[in-house]
C-alpha atoms as a PDB file:
ATOM      1  CA  MET A   1      75.783   8.484-108.674  1.00  0.00           C
ATOM      2  CA  SER A   2      77.107  11.026-106.200  1.00  0.00           C
ATOM      3  CA  ASP A   3      78.143  10.182-102.651  1.00  0.00           C
ATOM      4  CA  SER A   4      76.627  13.463-101.459  1.00  0.00           C
ATOM      5  CA  ARG A   5      73.794  13.354 -98.962  1.00  0.00           C
ATOM      6  CA  LEU A   6      70.737  15.208-100.207  1.00  0.00           C
ATOM      7  CA  ALA A   7      67.862  16.575 -98.144  1.00  0.00           C
ATOM      8  CA  LEU A   8      64.771  18.020 -99.802  1.00  0.00           C
ATOM      9  CA  VAL A   9      63.444  21.116 -98.003  1.00  0.00           C
ATOM     10  CA  VAL A  10      59.737  21.929 -98.321  1.00  0.00           C
ATOM     11  CA  PHE A  11      58.074  24.954 -96.738  1.00  0.00           C
ATOM     12  CA  HIS A  12      54.872  26.983 -96.845  1.00  0.00           C
ATOM     13  CA  THR A  13      55.411  29.711 -99.437  1.00  0.00           C
ATOM     14  CA  ARG A  14      52.734  32.136 -98.215  1.00  0.00           C
ATOM     15  CA  ARG A  15      54.122  32.516 -94.710  1.00  0.00           C
ATOM     16  CA  GLU A  16      57.209  34.632 -94.158  1.00  0.00           C
ATOM     17  CA  ASP A  17      58.202  32.720 -91.024  1.00  0.00           C
ATOM     18  CA  ALA A  18      58.103  29.462 -93.002  1.00  0.00           C
ATOM     19  CA  VAL A  19      60.199  30.895 -95.845  1.00  0.00           C
ATOM     20  CA  ASN A  20      62.705  32.226 -93.309  1.00  0.00           C
ATOM     21  CA  ALA A  21      62.802  28.816 -91.610  1.00  0.00           C
ATOM     22  CA  GLY A  22      63.386  27.252 -95.024  1.00  0.00           C
ATOM     23  CA  MET A  23      66.385  29.518 -95.603  1.00  0.00           C
ATOM     24  CA  GLN A  24      67.835  28.789 -92.167  1.00  0.00           C
ATOM     25  CA  THR A  25      67.337  25.057 -92.728  1.00  0.00           C
ATOM     26  CA  CYS A  26      69.197  25.138 -96.053  1.00  0.00           C
ATOM     27  CA  ILE A  27      72.059  27.087 -94.498  1.00  0.00           C
ATOM     28  CA  ALA A  28      72.273  24.700 -91.512  1.00  0.00           C
ATOM     29  CA  LEU A  29      72.198  21.564 -93.665  1.00  0.00           C
ATOM     30  CA  VAL A  30      74.974  22.845 -95.925  1.00  0.00           C
ATOM     31  CA  ALA A  31      77.060  23.980 -92.943  1.00  0.00           C
ATOM     32  CA  GLN A  32      76.940  20.421 -91.614  1.00  0.00           C
ATOM     33  CA  GLY A  33      77.903  18.730 -94.852  1.00  0.00           C
ATOM     34  CA  MET A  34      74.619  17.917 -96.570  1.00  0.00           C
ATOM     35  CA  LEU A  35      73.241  19.312 -99.809  1.00  0.00           C
ATOM     36  CA  ALA A  36      69.911  21.094 -99.692  1.00  0.00           C
ATOM     37  CA  VAL A  37      67.416  20.311-102.453  1.00  0.00           C
ATOM     38  CA  LEU A  38      64.542  22.583-103.481  1.00  0.00           C
ATOM     39  CA  THR A  39      61.894  22.480-106.154  1.00  0.00           C
ATOM     40  CA  LYS A  40      62.318  25.119-108.834  1.00  0.00           C
ATOM     41  CA  ASP A  41      59.434  27.180-107.427  1.00  0.00           C
ATOM     42  CA  LEU A  42      60.710  27.023-103.843  1.00  0.00           C
ATOM     43  CA  TYR A  43      64.215  28.000-104.950  1.00  0.00           C
ATOM     44  CA  ALA A  44      62.813  31.089-106.695  1.00  0.00           C
ATOM     45  CA  GLU A  45      60.788  31.950-103.578  1.00  0.00           C
ATOM     46  CA  LEU A  46      63.805  31.535-101.323  1.00  0.00           C
ATOM     47  CA  SER A  47      66.088  33.554-103.593  1.00  0.00           C
ATOM     48  CA  THR A  48      63.621  36.455-103.608  1.00  0.00           C
ATOM     49  CA  PHE A  49      63.301  36.342 -99.835  1.00  0.00           C
ATOM     50  CA  ALA A  50      67.065  36.178 -99.296  1.00  0.00           C
ATOM     51  CA  ALA A  51      67.587  39.203-101.562  1.00  0.00           C
ATOM     52  CA  LYS A  52      65.054  41.207 -99.533  1.00  0.00           C
ATOM     53  CA  GLN A  53      66.892  40.248 -96.353  1.00  0.00           C
ATOM     54  CA  ASN A  54      70.304  41.086 -97.868  1.00  0.00           C
ATOM     55  CA  GLU A  55      71.405  37.508 -97.247  1.00  0.00           C
ATOM     56  CA  LYS A  56      73.026  35.008 -99.546  1.00  0.00           C
ATOM     57  CA  LEU A  57      72.005  31.421-100.085  1.00  0.00           C
ATOM     58  CA  PRO A  58      74.708  28.734-100.234  1.00  0.00           C
ATOM     59  CA  SER A  59      73.857  28.409-103.929  1.00  0.00           C
ATOM     60  CA  GLY A  60      76.751  26.090-104.733  1.00  0.00           C
ATOM     61  CA  SER A  61      75.350  23.537-102.313  1.00  0.00           C
ATOM     62  CA  ILE A  62      71.703  23.759-103.336  1.00  0.00           C
ATOM     63  CA  ARG A  63      70.301  21.379-105.935  1.00  0.00           C
ATOM     64  CA  ILE A  64      67.090  21.728-107.931  1.00  0.00           C
ATOM     65  CA  LEU A  65      64.814  18.704-107.852  1.00  0.00           C
ATOM     66  CA  ASN A  66      64.279  17.041-111.239  1.00  0.00           C
ATOM     67  CA  GLU A  67      67.063  19.159-112.744  1.00  0.00           C
ATOM     68  CA  ASP A  68      70.136  18.364-110.648  1.00  0.00           C
ATOM     69  CA  CYS A  69      68.785  15.268-108.885  1.00  0.00           C
ATOM     70  CA  THR A  70      65.790  12.944-108.705  1.00  0.00           C
ATOM     71  CA  LEU A  71      63.508  11.781-105.910  1.00  0.00           C
ATOM     72  CA  GLU A  72      65.498   8.540-105.693  1.00  0.00           C
ATOM     73  CA  ASP A  73      68.648  10.524-104.817  1.00  0.00           C
ATOM     74  CA  LEU A  74      67.085  11.998-101.669  1.00  0.00           C
ATOM     75  CA  GLU A  75      67.977  10.773 -98.207  1.00  0.00           C
ATOM     76  CA  VAL A  76      65.304  12.654 -96.297  1.00  0.00           C
ATOM     77  CA  VAL A  77      62.687  15.411 -96.618  1.00  0.00           C
ATOM     78  CA  VAL A  78      62.545  18.251 -94.087  1.00  0.00           C
ATOM     79  CA  VAL A  79      59.150  19.957 -94.024  1.00  0.00           C
ATOM     80  CA  LEU A  80      58.511  23.330 -92.400  1.00  0.00           C
ATOM     81  CA  GLY A  81      54.855  24.172 -91.835  1.00  0.00           C
ATOM     82  CA  GLY A  82      51.659  22.545 -90.649  1.00  0.00           C
ATOM     83  CA  ASP A  83      50.053  19.244 -91.527  1.00  0.00           C
ATOM     84  CA  GLY A  84      48.923  20.619 -94.899  1.00  0.00           C
ATOM     85  CA  THR A  85      52.530  21.239 -95.931  1.00  0.00           C
ATOM     86  CA  ILE A  86      53.511  17.758 -94.747  1.00  0.00           C
ATOM     87  CA  LEU A  87      50.684  16.260 -96.817  1.00  0.00           C
ATOM     88  CA  LYS A  88      52.014  18.207 -99.814  1.00  0.00           C
ATOM     89  CA  ALA A  89      55.483  16.724 -99.252  1.00  0.00           C
ATOM     90  CA  ALA A  90      54.011  13.228 -98.864  1.00  0.00           C
ATOM     91  CA  GLU A  91      52.327  13.667-102.233  1.00  0.00           C
ATOM     92  CA  MET A  92      55.690  14.567-103.757  1.00  0.00           C
ATOM     93  CA  VAL A  93      57.826  11.718-102.377  1.00  0.00           C
ATOM     94  CA  ARG A  94      55.497   8.787-101.668  1.00  0.00           C
ATOM     95  CA  SER A  95      56.628   7.036-104.856  1.00  0.00           C
ATOM     96  CA  SER A  96      60.269   7.099-103.721  1.00  0.00           C
ATOM     97  CA  GLN A  97      59.476   6.154-100.099  1.00  0.00           C
ATOM     98  CA  THR A  98      61.733   8.959 -98.822  1.00  0.00           C
ATOM     99  CA  PRO A  99      61.238   9.560 -95.066  1.00  0.00           C
ATOM    100  CA  ILE A 100      59.659  12.877 -94.056  1.00  0.00           C
ATOM    101  CA  ILE A 101      60.516  14.866 -90.925  1.00  0.00           C
ATOM    102  CA  GLY A 102      58.159  17.713 -90.088  1.00  0.00           C
ATOM    103  CA  ILE A 103      58.898  20.888 -88.129  1.00  0.00           C
ATOM    104  CA  ASN A 104      55.605  22.387 -86.996  1.00  0.00           C
ATOM    105  CA  LEU A 105      55.001  26.032 -87.872  1.00  0.00           C
ATOM    106  CA  GLY A 106      51.228  25.690 -87.891  1.00  0.00           C
ATOM    107  CA  HIS A 107      48.709  25.142 -85.113  1.00  0.00           C
ATOM    108  CA  VAL A 108      48.184  21.572 -83.887  1.00  0.00           C
ATOM    109  CA  GLY A 109      50.539  19.935 -86.381  1.00  0.00           C
ATOM    110  CA  PHE A 110      49.944  16.277 -85.496  1.00  0.00           C
ATOM    111  CA  LEU A 111      52.240  14.953 -88.232  1.00  0.00           C
ATOM    112  CA  ALA A 112      55.137  17.208 -87.234  1.00  0.00           C
ATOM    113  CA  GLU A 113      57.874  15.950 -84.947  1.00  0.00           C
ATOM    114  CA  SER A 114      59.281  19.218 -83.597  1.00  0.00           C
ATOM    115  CA  GLU A 115      58.236  22.808 -82.987  1.00  0.00           C
ATOM    116  CA  ARG A 116      59.801  25.974 -84.421  1.00  0.00           C
ATOM    117  CA  GLU A 117      62.018  26.561 -81.384  1.00  0.00           C
ATOM    118  CA  GLU A 118      63.515  23.069 -81.817  1.00  0.00           C
ATOM    119  CA  LEU A 119      64.571  23.663 -85.419  1.00  0.00           C
ATOM    120  CA  ALA A 120      68.338  23.682 -84.814  1.00  0.00           C
ATOM    121  CA  GLU A 121      68.241  20.461 -82.808  1.00  0.00           C
ATOM    122  CA  ALA A 122      66.017  18.798 -85.399  1.00  0.00           C
ATOM    123  CA  ILE A 123      68.446  19.674 -88.206  1.00  0.00           C
ATOM    124  CA  ASN A 124      71.338  18.274 -86.159  1.00  0.00           C
ATOM    125  CA  ARG A 125      69.410  15.025 -85.722  1.00  0.00           C
ATOM    126  CA  VAL A 126      68.689  14.870 -89.455  1.00  0.00           C
ATOM    127  CA  VAL A 127      72.367  15.311 -90.335  1.00  0.00           C
ATOM    128  CA  GLN A 128      73.373  12.651 -87.803  1.00  0.00           C
ATOM    129  CA  GLY A 129      70.699  10.286 -89.083  1.00  0.00           C
ATOM    130  CA  ASP A 130      69.393  10.147 -85.524  1.00  0.00           C
ATOM    131  CA  TYR A 131      65.741   9.367 -86.148  1.00  0.00           C
ATOM    132  CA  LEU A 132      63.455   6.384 -86.465  1.00  0.00           C
ATOM    133  CA  VAL A 133      61.333   5.772 -89.536  1.00  0.00           C
ATOM    134  CA  THR A 134      57.766   4.524 -89.214  1.00  0.00           C
ATOM    135  CA  ASP A 135      55.517   3.419 -92.059  1.00  0.00           C
ATOM    136  CA  LEU A 136      52.101   5.064 -92.047  1.00  0.00           C
ATOM    137  CA  LEU A 137      49.146   3.196 -93.502  1.00  0.00           C
ATOM    138  CA  THR A 138      47.669   4.847 -96.588  1.00  0.00           C
ATOM    139  CA  LEU A 139      44.524   4.301 -98.642  1.00  0.00           C
ATOM    140  CA  ASP A 140      43.964   3.311-102.247  1.00  0.00           C
ATOM    141  CA  VAL A 141      40.899   5.115-103.575  1.00  0.00           C
ATOM    142  CA  SER A 142      38.959   4.398-106.758  1.00  0.00           C
ATOM    143  CA  VAL A 143      35.777   5.732-108.338  1.00  0.00           C
ATOM    144  CA  GLN A 144      33.622   3.628-110.622  1.00  0.00           C
ATOM    145  CA  VAL A 145      30.747   4.794-112.803  1.00  0.00           C
ATOM    146  CA  ASP A 146      28.628   2.176-114.588  1.00  0.00           C
ATOM    147  CA  GLY A 147      31.238  -0.460-113.758  1.00  0.00           C
ATOM    148  CA  LYS A 148      34.177   1.469-115.230  1.00  0.00           C
ATOM    149  CA  GLU A 149      36.951   3.044-113.168  1.00  0.00           C
ATOM    150  CA  VAL A 150      37.042   6.775-113.855  1.00  0.00           C
ATOM    151  CA  TYR A 151      39.438   7.852-111.095  1.00  0.00           C
ATOM    152  CA  SER A 152      42.138   6.329-108.909  1.00  0.00           C
ATOM    153  CA  GLY A 153      44.091   8.000-106.138  1.00  0.00           C
ATOM    154  CA  TRP A 154      45.385   7.625-102.640  1.00  0.00           C
ATOM    155  CA  ALA A 155      45.215   9.296 -99.231  1.00  0.00           C
ATOM    156  CA  LEU A 156      47.298   9.436 -96.076  1.00  0.00           C
ATOM    157  CA  ASN A 157      44.670  10.959 -93.773  1.00  0.00           C
ATOM    158  CA  GLU A 158      41.294  10.361 -95.356  1.00  0.00           C
ATOM    159  CA  ALA A 159      39.132   9.999 -98.435  1.00  0.00           C
ATOM    160  CA  THR A 160      35.917  11.988 -98.072  1.00  0.00           C
ATOM    161  CA  VAL A 161      32.701  11.748-100.054  1.00  0.00           C
ATOM    162  CA  GLU A 162      30.894  15.090 -99.683  1.00  0.00           C
ATOM    163  CA  LYS A 163      27.884  16.860-101.130  1.00  0.00           C
ATOM    164  CA  SER A 164      28.856  19.430-103.732  1.00  0.00           C
ATOM    165  CA  ALA A 165      26.003  21.855-103.035  1.00  0.00           C
ATOM    166  CA  ARG A 166      25.470  23.246 -99.552  1.00  0.00           C
ATOM    167  CA  GLU A 167      21.668  23.256 -99.803  1.00  0.00           C
ATOM    168  CA  ARG A 168      21.348  19.659-101.057  1.00  0.00           C
ATOM    169  CA  MET A 169      21.679  16.456 -99.079  1.00  0.00           C
ATOM    170  CA  LEU A 170      23.674  13.530-100.420  1.00  0.00           C
ATOM    171  CA  GLU A 171      21.898  10.146-100.424  1.00  0.00           C
ATOM    172  CA  VAL A 172      24.375   7.303-100.024  1.00  0.00           C
ATOM    173  CA  VAL A 173      24.538   3.614 -99.253  1.00  0.00           C
ATOM    174  CA  VAL A 174      27.501   2.327 -97.249  1.00  0.00           C
ATOM    175  CA  GLU A 175      29.118  -1.060 -97.828  1.00  0.00           C
ATOM    176  CA  VAL A 176      31.698  -3.009 -95.813  1.00  0.00           C
ATOM    177  CA  ASP A 177      33.479  -6.007 -97.334  1.00  0.00           C
ATOM    178  CA  GLY A 178      30.990  -6.407-100.151  1.00  0.00           C
ATOM    179  CA  ARG A 179      27.874  -6.270 -97.971  1.00  0.00           C
ATOM    180  CA  PRO A 180      25.473  -3.302 -97.667  1.00  0.00           C
ATOM    181  CA  LEU A 181      25.340  -1.770 -94.191  1.00  0.00           C
ATOM    182  CA  SER A 182      22.956   1.180 -94.344  1.00  0.00           C
ATOM    183  CA  SER A 183      21.634   3.969 -96.550  1.00  0.00           C
ATOM    184  CA  PHE A 184      20.865   7.517 -95.453  1.00  0.00           C
ATOM    185  CA  GLY A 185      21.040  11.176 -96.334  1.00  0.00           C
ATOM    186  CA  CYS A 186      24.067  13.065 -95.084  1.00  0.00           C
ATOM    187  CA  ASP A 187      26.584  15.807 -95.725  1.00  0.00           C
ATOM    188  CA  GLY A 188      29.200  13.164 -96.488  1.00  0.00           C
ATOM    189  CA  ILE A 189      31.293  10.206 -95.339  1.00  0.00           C
ATOM    190  CA  VAL A 190      34.879  10.264 -94.068  1.00  0.00           C
ATOM    191  CA  MET A 191      36.967   7.101 -94.612  1.00  0.00           C
ATOM    192  CA  SER A 192      40.133   7.472 -92.600  1.00  0.00           C
ATOM    193  CA  THR A 193      43.427   5.887 -91.586  1.00  0.00           C
ATOM    194  CA  PRO A 194      44.637   5.876 -87.959  1.00  0.00           C
ATOM    195  CA  THR A 195      46.821   8.852 -88.901  1.00  0.00           C
ATOM    196  CA  GLY A 196      43.725  10.696 -90.084  1.00  0.00           C
ATOM    197  CA  SER A 197      41.786   9.896 -86.910  1.00  0.00           C
ATOM    198  CA  THR A 198      43.066  13.170 -85.408  1.00  0.00           C
ATOM    199  CA  ALA A 199      42.189  15.163 -88.543  1.00  0.00           C
ATOM    200  CA  TYR A 200      38.828  15.473 -90.345  1.00  0.00           C
ATOM    201  CA  ALA A 201      37.463  12.266 -88.787  1.00  0.00           C
ATOM    202  CA  PHE A 202      38.171  13.683 -85.324  1.00  0.00           C
ATOM    203  CA  SER A 203      36.317  16.927 -86.018  1.00  0.00           C
ATOM    204  CA  ALA A 204      33.374  14.844 -87.299  1.00  0.00           C
ATOM    205  CA  GLY A 205      33.122  12.957 -84.005  1.00  0.00           C
ATOM    206  CA  GLY A 206      35.177   9.889 -84.875  1.00  0.00           C
ATOM    207  CA  PRO A 207      37.398   8.038 -82.379  1.00  0.00           C
ATOM    208  CA  VAL A 208      41.090   8.710 -81.881  1.00  0.00           C
ATOM    209  CA  VAL A 209      43.001   5.608 -82.951  1.00  0.00           C
ATOM    210  CA  TRP A 210      46.451   4.972 -81.513  1.00  0.00           C
ATOM    211  CA  PRO A 211      49.152   4.698 -84.220  1.00  0.00           C
ATOM    212  CA  SER A 212      49.992   1.137 -83.128  1.00  0.00           C
ATOM    213  CA  VAL A 213      46.453   0.037 -84.026  1.00  0.00           C
ATOM    214  CA  GLU A 214      45.938  -0.923 -87.654  1.00  0.00           C
ATOM    215  CA  ALA A 215      42.379  -0.151 -88.720  1.00  0.00           C
ATOM    216  CA  LEU A 216      40.181   1.774 -91.135  1.00  0.00           C
ATOM    217  CA  LEU A 217      37.559   4.268 -89.956  1.00  0.00           C
ATOM    218  CA  LEU A 218      34.246   5.294 -91.464  1.00  0.00           C
ATOM    219  CA  VAL A 219      32.627   8.432 -90.014  1.00  0.00           C
ATOM    220  CA  PRO A 220      29.311   9.814 -91.351  1.00  0.00           C
ATOM    221  CA  LEU A 221      28.922  13.592 -91.577  1.00  0.00           C
ATOM    222  CA  SER A 222      25.585  14.950 -90.270  1.00  0.00           C
ATOM    223  CA  ALA A 223      23.715  11.785 -91.206  1.00  0.00           C
ATOM    224  CA  HIS A 224      19.915  11.633 -91.046  1.00  0.00           C
ATOM    225  CA  ALA A 225      19.672   8.076 -89.727  1.00  0.00           C
ATOM    226  CA  LEU A 226      19.159   6.109 -86.513  1.00  0.00           C
ATOM    227  CA  PHE A 227      22.289   4.065 -87.203  1.00  0.00           C
ATOM    228  CA  ALA A 228      25.039   6.368 -88.343  1.00  0.00           C
ATOM    229  CA  ARG A 229      27.770   5.805 -85.794  1.00  0.00           C
ATOM    230  CA  PRO A 230      31.511   5.914 -86.558  1.00  0.00           C
ATOM    231  CA  LEU A 231      32.859   2.490 -87.491  1.00  0.00           C
ATOM    232  CA  VAL A 232      36.289   0.951 -86.895  1.00  0.00           C
ATOM    233  CA  VAL A 233      36.972  -2.023 -89.168  1.00  0.00           C
ATOM    234  CA  ASN A 234      39.756  -4.432 -90.056  1.00  0.00           C
ATOM    235  CA  PRO A 235      42.627  -2.726 -91.923  1.00  0.00           C
ATOM    236  CA  ASN A 236      42.192  -5.208 -94.771  1.00  0.00           C
ATOM    237  CA  SER A 237      38.487  -4.480 -95.171  1.00  0.00           C
ATOM    238  CA  ILE A 238      37.132  -2.739 -98.256  1.00  0.00           C
ATOM    239  CA  LEU A 239      34.856   0.241 -97.650  1.00  0.00           C
ATOM    240  CA  ALA A 240      32.516   1.501-100.336  1.00  0.00           C
ATOM    241  CA  VAL A 241      30.124   4.424-100.631  1.00  0.00           C
ATOM    242  CA  GLU A 242      27.636   4.675-103.483  1.00  0.00           C
ATOM    243  CA  VAL A 243      25.936   7.937-104.419  1.00  0.00           C
ATOM    244  CA  MET A 244      22.332   6.859-104.899  1.00  0.00           C
ATOM    245  CA  ARG A 245      20.575   7.865-108.103  1.00  0.00           C
ATOM    246  CA  ARG A 246      17.735   9.336-106.055  1.00  0.00           C
ATOM    247  CA  SER A 247      20.179  11.754-104.404  1.00  0.00           C
ATOM    248  CA  ALA A 248      19.194  15.412-104.578  1.00  0.00           C
ATOM    249  CA  GLY A 249      22.615  16.346-105.932  1.00  0.00           C
ATOM    250  CA  VAL A 250      25.970  15.051-107.088  1.00  0.00           C
ATOM    251  CA  GLY A 251      28.929  14.623-104.791  1.00  0.00           C
ATOM    252  CA  VAL A 252      32.655  15.223-104.732  1.00  0.00           C
ATOM    253  CA  LEU A 253      35.510  13.025-103.564  1.00  0.00           C
ATOM    254  CA  TRP A 254      38.412  14.627-101.699  1.00  0.00           C
ATOM    255  CA  CYS A 255      41.676  12.848-100.900  1.00  0.00           C
ATOM    256  CA  ASP A 256      43.465  14.537 -97.987  1.00  0.00           C
ATOM    257  CA  GLY A 257      41.640  17.736 -98.887  1.00  0.00           C
ATOM    258  CA  ARG A 258      44.112  18.209-101.752  1.00  0.00           C
ATOM    259  CA  ARG A 259      42.898  16.156-104.715  1.00  0.00           C
ATOM    260  CA  SER A 260      39.273  15.990-105.833  1.00  0.00           C
ATOM    261  CA  THR A 261      36.974  14.564-108.475  1.00  0.00           C
ATOM    262  CA  GLU A 262      33.242  14.920-109.100  1.00  0.00           C
ATOM    263  CA  LEU A 263      30.920  12.050-108.207  1.00  0.00           C
ATOM    264  CA  PRO A 264      27.882  11.820-110.491  1.00  0.00           C
ATOM    265  CA  LEU A 265      24.693  10.048-109.440  1.00  0.00           C
ATOM    266  CA  GLY A 266      25.364   6.316-109.274  1.00  0.00           C
ATOM    267  CA  ALA A 267      29.108   6.735-108.648  1.00  0.00           C
ATOM    268  CA  ARG A 268      30.778   4.170-106.419  1.00  0.00           C
ATOM    269  CA  VAL A 269      33.817   4.992-104.265  1.00  0.00           C
ATOM    270  CA  GLU A 270      35.956   2.109-102.995  1.00  0.00           C
ATOM    271  CA  VAL A 271      38.622   2.539-100.311  1.00  0.00           C
ATOM    272  CA  SER A 272      41.135  -0.076 -99.192  1.00  0.00           C
ATOM    273  CA  ARG A 273      44.514  -0.337 -97.581  1.00  0.00           C
ATOM    274  CA  SER A 274      47.341   0.531 -99.940  1.00  0.00           C
ATOM    275  CA  ASP A 275      50.470  -1.570-100.416  1.00  0.00           C
ATOM    276  CA  LYS A 276      52.527   1.638-100.405  1.00  0.00           C
ATOM    277  CA  SER A 277      53.009   3.576 -97.170  1.00  0.00           C
ATOM    278  CA  VAL A 278      54.217   7.058 -96.324  1.00  0.00           C
ATOM    279  CA  ARG A 279      57.435   6.976 -94.308  1.00  0.00           C
ATOM    280  CA  LEU A 280      57.621   9.410 -91.411  1.00  0.00           C
ATOM    281  CA  GLY A 281      60.848  10.164 -89.541  1.00  0.00           C
ATOM    282  CA  ARG A 282      60.377  10.220 -85.781  1.00  0.00           C
ATOM    283  CA  LEU A 283      62.646  12.269 -83.510  1.00  0.00           C
ATOM    284  CA  HIS A 284      60.704  11.485 -80.327  1.00  0.00           C
ATOM    285  CA  SER A 285      59.680   8.055 -79.083  1.00  0.00           C
ATOM    286  CA  GLY A 286      57.372   9.088 -76.229  1.00  0.00           C
ATOM    287  CA  PRO A 287      53.884   7.636 -75.698  1.00  0.00           C
ATOM    288  CA  PHE A 288      51.106   8.730 -78.031  1.00  0.00           C
ATOM    289  CA  THR A 289      49.141   9.756 -74.938  1.00  0.00           C
ATOM    290  CA  ASP A 290      51.731  12.447 -74.249  1.00  0.00           C
ATOM    291  CA  ARG A 291      51.448  13.644 -77.845  1.00  0.00           C
ATOM    292  CA  LEU A 292      47.675  13.967 -77.500  1.00  0.00           C
ATOM    293  CA  VAL A 293      48.015  15.927 -74.284  1.00  0.00           C
ATOM    294  CA  ARG A 294      50.630  18.247 -75.776  1.00  0.00           C
ATOM    295  CA  LYS A 295      48.964  18.842 -79.150  1.00  0.00           C
ATOM    296  CA  PHE A 296      45.452  19.393 -77.758  1.00  0.00           C
ATOM    297  CA  SER A 297      46.573  21.082 -74.514  1.00  0.00           C
ATOM    298  CA  LEU A 298      44.513  18.570 -72.532  1.00  0.00           C
ATOM    299  CA  PRO A 299      44.081  19.222 -68.788  1.00  0.00           C
ATOM    300  CA  VAL A 300      45.904  16.630 -66.675  1.00  0.00           C
ATOM    301  CA  GLU A 301      46.196  18.574 -63.425  1.00  0.00           C
ATOM    302  CA  GLY A 302      45.553  16.375 -60.399  1.00  0.00           C
ATOM    303  CA  TRP A 303      46.944  13.228 -61.980  1.00  0.00           C
ATOM    304  CA  ARG A 304      48.979  11.253 -59.452  1.00  0.00           C
ATOM    305  CA  GLY A 305      49.934   8.210 -61.483  1.00  0.00           C
ATOM    306  CA  PRO A 306      50.320   4.584 -60.419  1.00  0.00           C
ATOM    307  CA  VAL A 307      51.759   3.721 -57.024  1.00  0.00           C
ATOM    308  CA  SER A 308      55.205   2.334 -57.821  1.00  0.00           C
ATOM    309  CA  ASP A 309      55.602   0.254 -54.633  1.00  0.00           C
ATOM    310  CA  GLY A 310      52.103  -1.241 -54.778  1.00  0.00           C
ATOM    311  CA  GLY A 311      51.063   0.418 -51.535  1.00  0.00           C
ATOM    312  CA  ALA A 312      47.921   2.440 -50.919  1.00  0.00           C
ATOM    313  CA  ARG A 313      47.928   6.191 -51.322  1.00  0.00           C
END
């Protein structure tokens, strides 16, 4: 084993600003005594970009993942991009429980800790080890057909059962903790973690759940039913969605919008809390309320705050 400190760098390959940020991150990490690690594909992408810019990578201090080192050798992962890129990195390193620190180059970027203009400071904090690590709840997801498991996966944000054909409605029955709750036609069902409450579940009308609250969410998509409200249940509950055999079409299961499998008629999807988390490095410890305001540009003009001395205003 080497005593060197290794940081995996992950960036969005189809955005020049992200590739450039990846190069600057590698250079900064090496300059401060860490070794930068890249996947083989990202190293090729970065080398091509550097050549076009007439710049040189610190090649002697860059390692290739799974050739020069393993996931278990990594100290931290630095991700440059939006939430999609962070989800990609989480998929790569969840098994090794390596903490992830995101630098937002996208739009809202709820999982990211810093913005592009804070890149240098963020790298300094990474090198100094000046960050807190929080464990994010994840989901175990399984699909059963005729009593046999045909798929197993996981999700950080959400597992979504959706119709596979735009013109056909999906008929489902929803179950919570082994008991049927309701059946209806819909476009789909989102089963989400608190982390995912600001992602797909949010756009579908689900509640925002504070990170300190452990819970699972179930949010119907365009349901044709009198009772089809978003649900917030115990984090240890088991949610299930069955694609009814009378459904007009088959469905598809998506995990974090990245991994999918077809759901034939009669398929059963079960979602529960996973024993394995995703570890996220936090550079800022401010209230989640402030994060919501900043990320969604919420209007707070006119707020006066509590009266500190207890007197009337």
